[in-house]
Amino acid sequence: MSSHDERPRPPTPQDWDARVERGLKHAPDWLRSAVQWLRAPSRFWVRLIAGMLLIIGGILAILPIFGLWMLPLGLALIADDVPWLKARLEQAARWCERVWKKVRQAR
């Protein structure tokens, strides 16, 4: 069996956590500090409320002050406490990477 026949392993919550950590290495200090503060286990209610507000804002993207960017950010915040959601977000991130790679190759 060649490497082209092998299917990638299914995403796990740990894959999402690793992706977040890799992304934070490239983030400005103020953003890294804010995310680390939010991800602390004691901040559950802050994450839940902020995540829900961002999701609602993403759903209301047709209004001028809201945007679709709020939806994945809200899901990412809530995912810190919902392992199956982390795996789904990792799956979505992998899909976005594949699509982005195809778009860039088509240029």
C-alpha atoms as a PDB file:
ATOM      1  CA  MET A   1       0.000   0.000   0.000  1.00  0.00           C
ATOM      2  CA  SER A   2       1.497   3.342  -0.996  1.00  0.00           C
ATOM      3  CA  SER A   3       1.316   6.490   1.085  1.00  0.00           C
ATOM      4  CA  HIS A   4      -1.321   7.833  -1.310  1.00  0.00           C
ATOM      5  CA  ASP A   5      -3.687   4.998  -0.381  1.00  0.00           C
ATOM      6  CA  GLU A   6      -3.485   5.674   3.342  1.00  0.00           C
ATOM      7  CA  ARG A   7      -6.223   7.738   4.879  1.00  0.00           C
ATOM      8  CA  PRO A   8      -5.213  10.447   7.343  1.00  0.00           C
ATOM      9  CA  ARG A   9      -5.898   9.578  10.939  1.00  0.00           C
ATOM     10  CA  PRO A  10      -9.121  11.002  12.363  1.00  0.00           C
ATOM     11  CA  PRO A  11      -8.822  14.327  14.194  1.00  0.00           C
ATOM     12  CA  THR A  12      -8.653  14.288  17.970  1.00  0.00           C
ATOM     13  CA  PRO A  13      -9.164  16.931  20.652  1.00  0.00           C
ATOM     14  CA  GLN A  14      -5.400  16.832  21.236  1.00  0.00           C
ATOM     15  CA  ASP A  15      -4.826  17.749  17.572  1.00  0.00           C
ATOM     16  CA  TRP A  16      -6.964  20.862  18.046  1.00  0.00           C
ATOM     17  CA  ASP A  17      -5.103  21.810  21.234  1.00  0.00           C
ATOM     18  CA  ALA A  18      -1.784  21.424  19.403  1.00  0.00           C
ATOM     19  CA  ARG A  19      -3.077  23.589  16.527  1.00  0.00           C
ATOM     20  CA  VAL A  20      -4.128  26.322  18.973  1.00  0.00           C
ATOM     21  CA  GLU A  21      -0.719  26.211  20.681  1.00  0.00           C
ATOM     22  CA  ARG A  22       1.091  26.429  17.314  1.00  0.00           C
ATOM     23  CA  GLY A  23      -1.054  29.385  16.333  1.00  0.00           C
ATOM     24  CA  LEU A  24      -0.400  31.161  19.617  1.00  0.00           C
ATOM     25  CA  LYS A  25       3.349  30.991  18.992  1.00  0.00           C
ATOM     26  CA  HIS A  26       2.790  33.412  16.093  1.00  0.00           C
ATOM     27  CA  ALA A  27       0.309  35.660  17.905  1.00  0.00           C
ATOM     28  CA  PRO A  28       1.200  39.013  19.448  1.00  0.00           C
ATOM     29  CA  ASP A  29       1.951  38.925  23.183  1.00  0.00           C
ATOM     30  CA  TRP A  30      -1.305  40.654  24.133  1.00  0.00           C
ATOM     31  CA  LEU A  31      -3.394  38.098  22.204  1.00  0.00           C
ATOM     32  CA  ARG A  32      -1.409  35.139  23.543  1.00  0.00           C
ATOM     33  CA  SER A  33      -1.904  36.408  27.103  1.00  0.00           C
ATOM     34  CA  ALA A  34      -5.646  36.918  26.573  1.00  0.00           C
ATOM     35  CA  VAL A  35      -6.132  33.426  25.123  1.00  0.00           C
ATOM     36  CA  GLN A  36      -4.093  31.812  27.887  1.00  0.00           C
ATOM     37  CA  TRP A  37      -6.146  33.711  30.467  1.00  0.00           C
ATOM     38  CA  LEU A  38      -9.399  32.560  28.839  1.00  0.00           C
ATOM     39  CA  ARG A  39      -8.234  28.932  28.588  1.00  0.00           C
ATOM     40  CA  ALA A  40      -7.577  28.633  32.328  1.00  0.00           C
ATOM     41  CA  PRO A  41      -9.933  26.001  33.823  1.00  0.00           C
ATOM     42  CA  SER A  42     -11.306  28.532  36.326  1.00  0.00           C
ATOM     43  CA  ARG A  43     -12.590  30.734  33.473  1.00  0.00           C
ATOM     44  CA  PHE A  44     -15.309  28.274  32.354  1.00  0.00           C
ATOM     45  CA  TRP A  45     -18.191  30.730  32.747  1.00  0.00           C
ATOM     46  CA  VAL A  46     -16.303  33.550  31.030  1.00  0.00           C
ATOM     47  CA  ARG A  47     -15.536  31.227  28.070  1.00  0.00           C
ATOM     48  CA  LEU A  48     -19.114  29.983  27.905  1.00  0.00           C
ATOM     49  CA  ILE A  49     -20.687  33.446  27.948  1.00  0.00           C
ATOM     50  CA  ALA A  50     -18.137  34.946  25.526  1.00  0.00           C
ATOM     51  CA  GLY A  51     -18.467  31.938  23.220  1.00  0.00           C
ATOM     52  CA  MET A  52     -22.265  32.124  23.179  1.00  0.00           C
ATOM     53  CA  LEU A  53     -22.213  35.866  22.487  1.00  0.00           C
ATOM     54  CA  LEU A  54     -19.754  35.364  19.625  1.00  0.00           C
ATOM     55  CA  ILE A  55     -21.878  32.558  18.149  1.00  0.00           C
ATOM     56  CA  ILE A  56     -25.006  34.722  18.334  1.00  0.00           C
ATOM     57  CA  GLY A  57     -23.056  37.592  16.749  1.00  0.00           C
ATOM     58  CA  GLY A  58     -21.934  35.260  13.967  1.00  0.00           C
ATOM     59  CA  ILE A  59     -25.510  34.184  13.313  1.00  0.00           C
ATOM     60  CA  LEU A  60     -26.491  37.862  13.126  1.00  0.00           C
ATOM     61  CA  ALA A  61     -23.768  38.519  10.528  1.00  0.00           C
ATOM     62  CA  ILE A  62     -26.251  40.298   8.273  1.00  0.00           C
ATOM     63  CA  LEU A  63     -26.178  43.245  10.672  1.00  0.00           C
ATOM     64  CA  PRO A  64     -23.381  45.805  10.187  1.00  0.00           C
ATOM     65  CA  ILE A  65     -21.477  45.394  13.471  1.00  0.00           C
ATOM     66  CA  PHE A  66     -21.462  41.592  13.449  1.00  0.00           C
ATOM     67  CA  GLY A  67     -19.588  39.207  11.192  1.00  0.00           C
ATOM     68  CA  LEU A  68     -19.227  35.558  10.296  1.00  0.00           C
ATOM     69  CA  TRP A  69     -15.744  35.566  11.862  1.00  0.00           C
ATOM     70  CA  MET A  70     -17.487  35.550  15.243  1.00  0.00           C
ATOM     71  CA  LEU A  71     -19.014  32.096  14.738  1.00  0.00           C
ATOM     72  CA  PRO A  72     -15.814  29.994  14.563  1.00  0.00           C
ATOM     73  CA  LEU A  73     -14.215  32.061  17.309  1.00  0.00           C
ATOM     74  CA  GLY A  74     -17.191  31.390  19.589  1.00  0.00           C
ATOM     75  CA  LEU A  75     -17.082  27.686  18.776  1.00  0.00           C
ATOM     76  CA  ALA A  76     -13.340  27.622  19.498  1.00  0.00           C
ATOM     77  CA  LEU A  77     -13.917  29.192  22.907  1.00  0.00           C
ATOM     78  CA  ILE A  78     -16.624  26.722  23.835  1.00  0.00           C
ATOM     79  CA  ALA A  79     -14.574  23.808  22.464  1.00  0.00           C
ATOM     80  CA  ASP A  80     -12.111  24.187  25.318  1.00  0.00           C
ATOM     81  CA  ASP A  81     -14.746  22.474  27.475  1.00  0.00           C
ATOM     82  CA  VAL A  82     -16.307  20.150  24.867  1.00  0.00           C
ATOM     83  CA  PRO A  83     -13.804  17.535  23.572  1.00  0.00           C
ATOM     84  CA  TRP A  84     -15.974  16.292  20.670  1.00  0.00           C
ATOM     85  CA  LEU A  85     -16.236  19.884  19.405  1.00  0.00           C
ATOM     86  CA  LYS A  86     -12.439  20.153  19.380  1.00  0.00           C
ATOM     87  CA  ALA A  87     -12.272  17.155  17.051  1.00  0.00           C
ATOM     88  CA  ARG A  88     -14.895  18.694  14.726  1.00  0.00           C
ATOM     89  CA  LEU A  89     -13.023  22.012  14.658  1.00  0.00           C
ATOM     90  CA  GLU A  90      -9.782  20.177  13.831  1.00  0.00           C
ATOM     91  CA  GLN A  91     -11.615  18.378  11.028  1.00  0.00           C
ATOM     92  CA  ALA A  92     -12.900  21.719   9.699  1.00  0.00           C
ATOM     93  CA  ALA A  93      -9.425  23.261   9.945  1.00  0.00           C
ATOM     94  CA  ARG A  94      -7.928  20.372   7.960  1.00  0.00           C
ATOM     95  CA  TRP A  95     -10.619  20.802   5.301  1.00  0.00           C
ATOM     96  CA  CYS A  96      -9.875  24.544   5.081  1.00  0.00           C
ATOM     97  CA  GLU A  97      -6.168  23.782   4.683  1.00  0.00           C
ATOM     98  CA  ARG A  98      -6.867  21.325   1.839  1.00  0.00           C
ATOM     99  CA  VAL A  99      -9.130  23.804   0.054  1.00  0.00           C
ATOM    100  CA  TRP A 100      -6.636  26.632   0.550  1.00  0.00           C
ATOM    101  CA  LYS A 101      -3.843  24.477  -0.861  1.00  0.00           C
ATOM    102  CA  LYS A 102      -5.953  23.639  -3.952  1.00  0.00           C
ATOM    103  CA  VAL A 103      -6.828  27.307  -4.492  1.00  0.00           C
ATOM    104  CA  ARG A 104      -3.183  28.346  -4.242  1.00  0.00           C
ATOM    105  CA  GLN A 105      -2.082  25.589  -6.627  1.00  0.00           C
ATOM    106  CA  ALA A 106      -4.730  26.648  -9.156  1.00  0.00           C
ATOM    107  CA  ARG A 107      -3.201  30.113  -9.458  1.00  0.00           C
END
